[in-house]
């Protein structure tokens, strides 16, 4: 259980680590991060950390699925923002 679960989504890498939380019996929480590849040689990759510290999940698989859902939402936000940003910068020709 101490291994990272990793998934690629829209060119981003989502990493989730499930941990046992404090509660009656075994419940799980997670921590994770999303990173995107560098666009240029001297550029740092984009990275966003997230976590769910309350032991609300009944199994490792459920905690991983919840973390991946959050990670995918971050990747979607990045890619949709990037697409909108690129689209708005395109030069347009005036109508003839």
N, C-alpha and C. Protein backbone atom coordinates (compact mmCIF):
# COMPACT_ATOMS: atom_id res chain seq x y z
N UNK A 1 0.81 -1.20 0.00
CA UNK A 1 0.00 0.00 0.00
C UNK A 1 0.85 1.26 0.00
N UNK A 2 2.13 1.18 0.25
CA UNK A 2 2.94 2.40 0.32
C UNK A 2 3.50 2.83 -1.03
N UNK A 3 2.96 2.32 -2.10
CA UNK A 3 3.42 2.72 -3.44
C UNK A 3 2.48 3.77 -4.01
N UNK A 4 3.05 4.62 -4.84
CA UNK A 4 2.25 5.65 -5.52
C UNK A 4 1.46 5.01 -6.66
N UNK A 5 0.20 5.42 -6.80
CA UNK A 5 -0.60 5.06 -7.97
C UNK A 5 -0.42 6.22 -8.95
N UNK A 6 -0.10 5.89 -10.20
CA UNK A 6 0.20 6.92 -11.20
C UNK A 6 -0.66 6.71 -12.42
N UNK A 7 -1.19 7.80 -12.95
CA UNK A 7 -2.02 7.75 -14.16
C UNK A 7 -1.65 8.94 -15.04
N UNK A 8 -1.64 8.72 -16.33
CA UNK A 8 -1.44 9.80 -17.31
C UNK A 8 -2.81 10.26 -17.79
N UNK A 9 -3.01 11.58 -17.80
CA UNK A 9 -4.28 12.12 -18.27
C UNK A 9 -4.02 13.45 -18.96
N UNK A 10 -4.38 13.54 -20.23
CA UNK A 10 -4.23 14.77 -21.03
C UNK A 10 -2.80 15.32 -20.97
N UNK A 11 -1.83 14.43 -21.01
CA UNK A 11 -0.44 14.85 -21.01
C UNK A 11 0.11 15.17 -19.63
N UNK A 12 -0.72 15.05 -18.60
CA UNK A 12 -0.28 15.31 -17.22
C UNK A 12 -0.11 13.97 -16.50
N UNK A 13 0.69 13.98 -15.46
CA UNK A 13 0.92 12.80 -14.64
C UNK A 13 0.27 13.02 -13.28
N UNK A 14 -0.63 12.11 -12.89
CA UNK A 14 -1.34 12.20 -11.60
C UNK A 14 -0.74 11.13 -10.68
N UNK A 15 -0.35 11.54 -9.48
CA UNK A 15 0.27 10.65 -8.50
C UNK A 15 -0.55 10.67 -7.22
N UNK A 16 -0.95 9.49 -6.73
CA UNK A 16 -1.75 9.37 -5.51
C UNK A 16 -1.08 8.39 -4.56
N UNK A 17 -0.96 8.78 -3.29
CA UNK A 17 -0.45 7.90 -2.24
C UNK A 17 -1.54 7.77 -1.18
N UNK A 18 -1.99 6.55 -0.94
CA UNK A 18 -3.03 6.28 0.05
C UNK A 18 -2.37 6.01 1.40
N UNK A 19 -2.97 6.56 2.46
CA UNK A 19 -2.45 6.36 3.81
C UNK A 19 -3.60 5.93 4.72
N UNK A 20 -3.24 5.15 5.76
CA UNK A 20 -4.24 4.73 6.74
C UNK A 20 -4.50 5.92 7.66
N UNK A 21 -5.78 6.22 7.88
CA UNK A 21 -6.15 7.34 8.73
C UNK A 21 -6.49 6.89 10.14
N UNK A 22 -6.63 7.84 11.01
CA UNK A 22 -7.01 7.56 12.40
C UNK A 22 -8.54 7.53 12.50
N UNK A 23 -9.06 6.37 12.81
CA UNK A 23 -10.50 6.22 13.02
C UNK A 23 -10.74 4.85 13.62
N UNK A 24 -11.99 4.53 13.88
CA UNK A 24 -12.34 3.20 14.37
C UNK A 24 -12.23 2.23 13.20
N UNK A 25 -11.31 1.29 13.27
CA UNK A 25 -11.09 0.37 12.17
C UNK A 25 -10.19 0.98 11.13
N UNK A 26 -10.12 0.35 9.98
CA UNK A 26 -9.25 0.84 8.91
C UNK A 26 -10.05 1.71 7.95
N UNK A 27 -9.66 2.95 7.87
CA UNK A 27 -10.19 3.90 6.90
C UNK A 27 -8.99 4.57 6.25
N UNK A 28 -9.19 5.14 5.09
CA UNK A 28 -8.06 5.63 4.32
C UNK A 28 -8.24 7.09 3.90
N UNK A 29 -7.12 7.76 3.73
CA UNK A 29 -7.05 9.12 3.21
C UNK A 29 -6.02 9.09 2.08
N UNK A 30 -5.78 10.22 1.42
CA UNK A 30 -4.78 10.24 0.37
C UNK A 30 -4.10 11.59 0.28
N UNK A 31 -2.95 11.58 -0.35
CA UNK A 31 -2.25 12.79 -0.75
C UNK A 31 -1.84 12.58 -2.20
N UNK A 32 -1.67 13.67 -2.93
CA UNK A 32 -1.31 13.50 -4.33
C UNK A 32 -0.84 14.79 -4.96
N UNK A 33 -0.43 14.66 -6.20
CA UNK A 33 -0.04 15.83 -6.97
C UNK A 33 -0.22 15.55 -8.45
N UNK A 34 -0.35 16.62 -9.21
CA UNK A 34 -0.44 16.55 -10.66
C UNK A 34 0.72 17.37 -11.20
N UNK A 35 1.40 16.85 -12.21
CA UNK A 35 2.44 17.66 -12.85
C UNK A 35 2.29 17.54 -14.36
N UNK A 36 2.69 18.60 -15.03
CA UNK A 36 2.64 18.61 -16.50
C UNK A 36 4.07 18.64 -17.01
N UNK A 37 4.29 18.14 -18.20
CA UNK A 37 5.64 18.15 -18.75
C UNK A 37 6.11 19.56 -19.05
N UNK A 38 7.41 19.72 -19.08
CA UNK A 38 7.99 21.02 -19.43
C UNK A 38 7.70 21.32 -20.90
N UNK A 39 7.49 22.58 -21.20
CA UNK A 39 7.28 23.00 -22.58
C UNK A 39 8.59 23.46 -23.23
N UNK A 40 9.50 23.95 -22.41
CA UNK A 40 10.78 24.45 -22.91
C UNK A 40 11.90 23.86 -22.05
N UNK A 41 13.11 23.85 -22.57
CA UNK A 41 14.24 23.20 -21.89
C UNK A 41 14.54 23.81 -20.52
N UNK A 42 14.41 25.10 -20.37
CA UNK A 42 14.76 25.75 -19.11
C UNK A 42 13.55 26.08 -18.24
N UNK A 43 12.44 25.46 -18.51
CA UNK A 43 11.21 25.74 -17.78
C UNK A 43 10.97 24.66 -16.73
N UNK A 44 10.47 25.07 -15.56
CA UNK A 44 10.09 24.09 -14.54
C UNK A 44 8.75 23.48 -14.90
N UNK A 45 8.55 22.20 -14.58
CA UNK A 45 7.23 21.62 -14.85
C UNK A 45 6.19 22.24 -13.92
N UNK A 46 4.97 22.29 -14.37
CA UNK A 46 3.86 22.79 -13.56
C UNK A 46 3.50 21.69 -12.56
N UNK A 47 3.24 22.06 -11.31
CA UNK A 47 2.94 21.08 -10.26
C UNK A 47 1.87 21.64 -9.33
N UNK A 48 0.89 20.81 -8.99
CA UNK A 48 -0.12 21.20 -8.00
C UNK A 48 -0.35 20.02 -7.06
N UNK A 49 -0.20 20.29 -5.77
CA UNK A 49 -0.43 19.27 -4.74
C UNK A 49 -1.87 19.36 -4.25
N UNK A 50 -2.40 18.22 -3.79
CA UNK A 50 -3.72 18.19 -3.18
C UNK A 50 -3.77 17.01 -2.22
N UNK A 51 -4.71 17.03 -1.29
CA UNK A 51 -4.84 15.93 -0.35
C UNK A 51 -6.23 15.90 0.28
N UNK A 52 -6.56 14.76 0.81
CA UNK A 52 -7.80 14.55 1.55
C UNK A 52 -7.37 13.89 2.86
N UNK A 53 -7.30 14.67 3.93
CA UNK A 53 -6.71 14.18 5.18
C UNK A 53 -7.68 13.43 6.08
N UNK A 54 -8.97 13.59 5.86
CA UNK A 54 -9.95 12.86 6.67
C UNK A 54 -10.02 11.42 6.20
N UNK A 55 -9.97 10.46 7.12
CA UNK A 55 -10.06 9.05 6.71
C UNK A 55 -11.49 8.66 6.37
N UNK A 56 -11.94 9.07 5.20
CA UNK A 56 -13.33 8.87 4.79
C UNK A 56 -13.55 7.68 3.87
N UNK A 57 -12.49 7.02 3.45
CA UNK A 57 -12.62 5.99 2.42
C UNK A 57 -12.47 4.60 3.03
N UNK A 58 -13.35 3.68 2.60
CA UNK A 58 -13.39 2.33 3.16
C UNK A 58 -12.32 1.40 2.62
N UNK A 59 -11.73 1.73 1.47
CA UNK A 59 -10.70 0.85 0.90
C UNK A 59 -9.65 1.68 0.17
N UNK A 60 -8.53 1.04 -0.08
CA UNK A 60 -7.44 1.67 -0.82
C UNK A 60 -7.93 2.05 -2.22
N UNK A 61 -8.65 1.15 -2.87
CA UNK A 61 -9.12 1.40 -4.23
C UNK A 61 -10.07 2.60 -4.31
N UNK A 62 -10.93 2.74 -3.31
CA UNK A 62 -11.87 3.86 -3.30
C UNK A 62 -11.10 5.17 -3.09
N UNK A 63 -10.11 5.16 -2.21
CA UNK A 63 -9.30 6.36 -1.98
C UNK A 63 -8.51 6.75 -3.23
N UNK A 64 -7.94 5.75 -3.92
CA UNK A 64 -7.21 6.04 -5.17
C UNK A 64 -8.16 6.62 -6.21
N UNK A 65 -9.33 6.04 -6.35
CA UNK A 65 -10.31 6.53 -7.34
C UNK A 65 -10.70 7.98 -7.03
N UNK A 66 -10.91 8.30 -5.77
CA UNK A 66 -11.27 9.67 -5.39
C UNK A 66 -10.13 10.64 -5.69
N UNK A 67 -8.91 10.23 -5.37
CA UNK A 67 -7.75 11.08 -5.66
C UNK A 67 -7.54 11.28 -7.15
N UNK A 68 -7.72 10.23 -7.93
CA UNK A 68 -7.56 10.35 -9.38
C UNK A 68 -8.61 11.28 -9.97
N UNK A 69 -9.81 11.26 -9.41
CA UNK A 69 -10.87 12.16 -9.89
C UNK A 69 -10.47 13.61 -9.65
N UNK A 70 -9.91 13.91 -8.49
CA UNK A 70 -9.44 15.27 -8.21
C UNK A 70 -8.30 15.63 -9.16
N UNK A 71 -7.36 14.71 -9.34
CA UNK A 71 -6.23 14.95 -10.24
C UNK A 71 -6.66 15.20 -11.67
N UNK A 72 -7.63 14.41 -12.15
CA UNK A 72 -8.14 14.61 -13.51
C UNK A 72 -8.80 15.98 -13.67
N UNK A 73 -9.51 16.42 -12.63
CA UNK A 73 -10.15 17.74 -12.69
C UNK A 73 -9.10 18.84 -12.79
N UNK A 74 -7.99 18.69 -12.09
CA UNK A 74 -6.90 19.68 -12.17
C UNK A 74 -6.30 19.66 -13.58
N UNK A 75 -6.04 18.48 -14.11
CA UNK A 75 -5.48 18.37 -15.47
C UNK A 75 -6.44 18.96 -16.50
N UNK A 76 -7.73 18.70 -16.34
CA UNK A 76 -8.74 19.27 -17.25
C UNK A 76 -8.72 20.80 -17.18
N UNK A 77 -8.65 21.33 -15.98
CA UNK A 77 -8.62 22.79 -15.81
C UNK A 77 -7.38 23.37 -16.49
N UNK A 78 -6.23 22.73 -16.30
CA UNK A 78 -5.00 23.22 -16.93
C UNK A 78 -5.11 23.19 -18.45
N UNK A 79 -5.58 22.06 -19.00
CA UNK A 79 -5.62 21.93 -20.46
C UNK A 79 -6.69 22.81 -21.08
N UNK A 80 -7.82 22.98 -20.41
CA UNK A 80 -8.85 23.86 -20.97
C UNK A 80 -8.39 25.31 -20.88
N UNK A 81 -7.72 25.69 -19.82
CA UNK A 81 -7.19 27.05 -19.69
C UNK A 81 -6.12 27.29 -20.75
N UNK A 82 -5.27 26.30 -20.96
CA UNK A 82 -4.21 26.41 -21.95
C UNK A 82 -4.79 26.56 -23.35
N UNK A 83 -5.81 25.78 -23.67
CA UNK A 83 -6.44 25.84 -24.99
C UNK A 83 -7.12 27.20 -25.20
N UNK A 84 -7.79 27.71 -24.17
CA UNK A 84 -8.44 29.01 -24.28
C UNK A 84 -7.40 30.10 -24.45
N UNK A 85 -6.30 29.98 -23.69
CA UNK A 85 -5.24 30.99 -23.75
C UNK A 85 -4.59 31.00 -25.14
N UNK A 86 -4.31 29.82 -25.69
CA UNK A 86 -3.70 29.74 -27.01
C UNK A 86 -4.64 30.26 -28.08
N UNK A 87 -5.92 29.95 -27.96
CA UNK A 87 -6.89 30.38 -28.95
C UNK A 87 -7.01 31.90 -28.96
N UNK A 88 -6.99 32.52 -27.79
CA UNK A 88 -7.17 33.97 -27.73
C UNK A 88 -5.93 34.72 -28.26
N UNK A 89 -4.79 34.06 -28.34
CA UNK A 89 -3.59 34.73 -28.81
C UNK A 89 -3.38 34.60 -30.32
N UNK A 90 -4.16 33.80 -30.99
CA UNK A 90 -3.99 33.62 -32.42
C UNK A 90 -4.33 34.90 -33.18
N UNK A 91 -3.46 35.31 -34.08
CA UNK A 91 -3.81 36.49 -34.87
C UNK A 91 -4.94 36.17 -35.83
N UNK A 92 -5.79 37.10 -36.00
CA UNK A 92 -6.89 36.90 -36.94
C UNK A 92 -6.79 37.91 -38.05
N UNK A 93 -7.24 37.50 -39.19
CA UNK A 93 -7.24 38.41 -40.35
C UNK A 93 -8.52 39.22 -40.33
N UNK A 94 -8.39 40.48 -40.64
CA UNK A 94 -9.63 41.26 -40.76
C UNK A 94 -10.43 40.75 -41.95
N UNK A 95 -11.74 40.84 -41.87
CA UNK A 95 -12.56 40.38 -43.00
C UNK A 95 -12.26 41.20 -44.25
N UNK A 96 -12.29 40.54 -45.41
CA UNK A 96 -11.99 41.24 -46.68
C UNK A 96 -13.24 41.81 -47.29
